[in-house]
Amino acid sequence: MPDNSEAHIATADALTLLLYNQHAICAAIEEVTKWLSENGVGDVADHAIANMETLDANARGITDAITRLRQL
């Protein structure tokens, strides 16, 4: 079986950058959500919170994939 360690490292590095982007997007949505809540647009804020929960769940999956790739 060929050694794919370089490919695994490159893939893990790319996923790590995507994960950082995901964290930044979540932080931005959180700031907007806070503003929406403070300015009487609670229903929109609730939708944003639900979407942040999806981002968090997906971030956990990406983190797990990165960990597995780095262990190969």
C-alpha atoms as a PDB file:
ATOM      1  CA  MET A   1       0.000   0.000   0.000  1.00  0.00           C
ATOM      2  CA  PRO A   2       1.484   3.388  -0.967  1.00  0.00           C
ATOM      3  CA  ASP A   3       2.372   5.884   1.720  1.00  0.00           C
ATOM      4  CA  ASN A   4      -0.108   8.741   1.531  1.00  0.00           C
ATOM      5  CA  SER A   5       1.187  10.639   4.557  1.00  0.00           C
ATOM      6  CA  GLU A   6       1.965  13.770   2.517  1.00  0.00           C
ATOM      7  CA  ALA A   7      -1.537  13.725   1.047  1.00  0.00           C
ATOM      8  CA  HIS A   8      -3.011  13.223   4.513  1.00  0.00           C
ATOM      9  CA  ILE A   9      -1.020  16.156   5.879  1.00  0.00           C
ATOM     10  CA  ALA A  10      -2.054  18.401   2.977  1.00  0.00           C
ATOM     11  CA  THR A  11      -5.685  17.404   3.409  1.00  0.00           C
ATOM     12  CA  ALA A  12      -5.550  17.989   7.169  1.00  0.00           C
ATOM     13  CA  ASP A  13      -3.918  21.389   6.601  1.00  0.00           C
ATOM     14  CA  ALA A  14      -6.636  22.386   4.119  1.00  0.00           C
ATOM     15  CA  LEU A  15      -9.378  21.207   6.486  1.00  0.00           C
ATOM     16  CA  THR A  16      -7.754  23.161   9.305  1.00  0.00           C
ATOM     17  CA  LEU A  17      -7.926  26.361   7.263  1.00  0.00           C
ATOM     18  CA  LEU A  18     -11.577  25.669   6.443  1.00  0.00           C
ATOM     19  CA  LEU A  19     -12.250  25.073  10.123  1.00  0.00           C
ATOM     20  CA  TYR A  20     -10.645  28.422  11.002  1.00  0.00           C
ATOM     21  CA  ASN A  21     -12.893  30.076   8.405  1.00  0.00           C
ATOM     22  CA  GLN A  22     -15.897  28.332   9.906  1.00  0.00           C
ATOM     23  CA  HIS A  23     -15.004  29.629  13.376  1.00  0.00           C
ATOM     24  CA  ALA A  24     -14.665  33.157  11.978  1.00  0.00           C
ATOM     25  CA  ILE A  25     -18.029  32.933  10.223  1.00  0.00           C
ATOM     26  CA  CYS A  26     -19.658  31.673  13.408  1.00  0.00           C
ATOM     27  CA  ALA A  27     -18.156  34.549  15.409  1.00  0.00           C
ATOM     28  CA  ALA A  28     -19.462  37.058  12.872  1.00  0.00           C
ATOM     29  CA  ILE A  29     -22.933  35.521  12.941  1.00  0.00           C
ATOM     30  CA  GLU A  30     -22.826  35.624  16.723  1.00  0.00           C
ATOM     31  CA  GLU A  31     -22.090  39.367  16.672  1.00  0.00           C
ATOM     32  CA  VAL A  32     -24.916  40.031  14.218  1.00  0.00           C
ATOM     33  CA  THR A  33     -27.244  37.829  16.270  1.00  0.00           C
ATOM     34  CA  LYS A  34     -26.461  39.821  19.388  1.00  0.00           C
ATOM     35  CA  TRP A  35     -27.221  43.057  17.568  1.00  0.00           C
ATOM     36  CA  LEU A  36     -30.469  41.627  16.191  1.00  0.00           C
ATOM     37  CA  SER A  37     -31.579  40.508  19.652  1.00  0.00           C
ATOM     38  CA  GLU A  38     -30.791  43.907  21.140  1.00  0.00           C
ATOM     39  CA  ASN A  39     -32.716  45.687  18.381  1.00  0.00           C
ATOM     40  CA  GLY A  40     -35.981  43.788  18.547  1.00  0.00           C
ATOM     41  CA  VAL A  41     -35.497  41.271  15.765  1.00  0.00           C
ATOM     42  CA  GLY A  42     -35.564  38.222  17.988  1.00  0.00           C
ATOM     43  CA  ASP A  43     -37.099  35.836  15.474  1.00  0.00           C
ATOM     44  CA  VAL A  44     -34.259  36.450  13.015  1.00  0.00           C
ATOM     45  CA  ALA A  45     -31.768  36.069  15.852  1.00  0.00           C
ATOM     46  CA  ASP A  46     -33.333  32.714  16.736  1.00  0.00           C
ATOM     47  CA  HIS A  47     -32.800  31.496  13.174  1.00  0.00           C
ATOM     48  CA  ALA A  48     -29.187  32.656  13.289  1.00  0.00           C
ATOM     49  CA  ILE A  49     -28.651  30.783  16.557  1.00  0.00           C
ATOM     50  CA  ALA A  50     -30.010  27.604  14.968  1.00  0.00           C
ATOM     51  CA  ASN A  51     -27.572  28.020  12.095  1.00  0.00           C
ATOM     52  CA  MET A  52     -24.689  28.561  14.513  1.00  0.00           C
ATOM     53  CA  GLU A  53     -25.583  25.245  16.146  1.00  0.00           C
ATOM     54  CA  THR A  54     -25.196  23.592  12.739  1.00  0.00           C
ATOM     55  CA  LEU A  55     -21.810  25.275  12.286  1.00  0.00           C
ATOM     56  CA  ASP A  56     -20.732  24.007  15.709  1.00  0.00           C
ATOM     57  CA  ALA A  57     -21.832  20.445  14.942  1.00  0.00           C
ATOM     58  CA  ASN A  58     -20.028  20.487  11.613  1.00  0.00           C
ATOM     59  CA  ALA A  59     -16.918  21.952  13.240  1.00  0.00           C
ATOM     60  CA  ARG A  60     -16.790  18.959  15.559  1.00  0.00           C
ATOM     61  CA  GLY A  61     -16.952  16.617  12.556  1.00  0.00           C
ATOM     62  CA  ILE A  62     -14.216  18.517  10.742  1.00  0.00           C
ATOM     63  CA  THR A  63     -12.050  18.473  13.876  1.00  0.00           C
ATOM     64  CA  ASP A  64     -12.497  14.709  14.170  1.00  0.00           C
ATOM     65  CA  ALA A  65     -11.527  14.247  10.510  1.00  0.00           C
ATOM     66  CA  ILE A  66      -8.428  16.400  10.954  1.00  0.00           C
ATOM     67  CA  THR A  67      -7.405  14.376  14.006  1.00  0.00           C
ATOM     68  CA  ARG A  68      -7.841  11.082  12.125  1.00  0.00           C
ATOM     69  CA  LEU A  69      -5.837  12.334   9.150  1.00  0.00           C
ATOM     70  CA  ARG A  70      -3.000  13.537  11.350  1.00  0.00           C
ATOM     71  CA  GLN A  71      -2.807  10.146  13.057  1.00  0.00           C
ATOM     72  CA  LEU A  72      -2.361   8.246   9.757  1.00  0.00           C
END
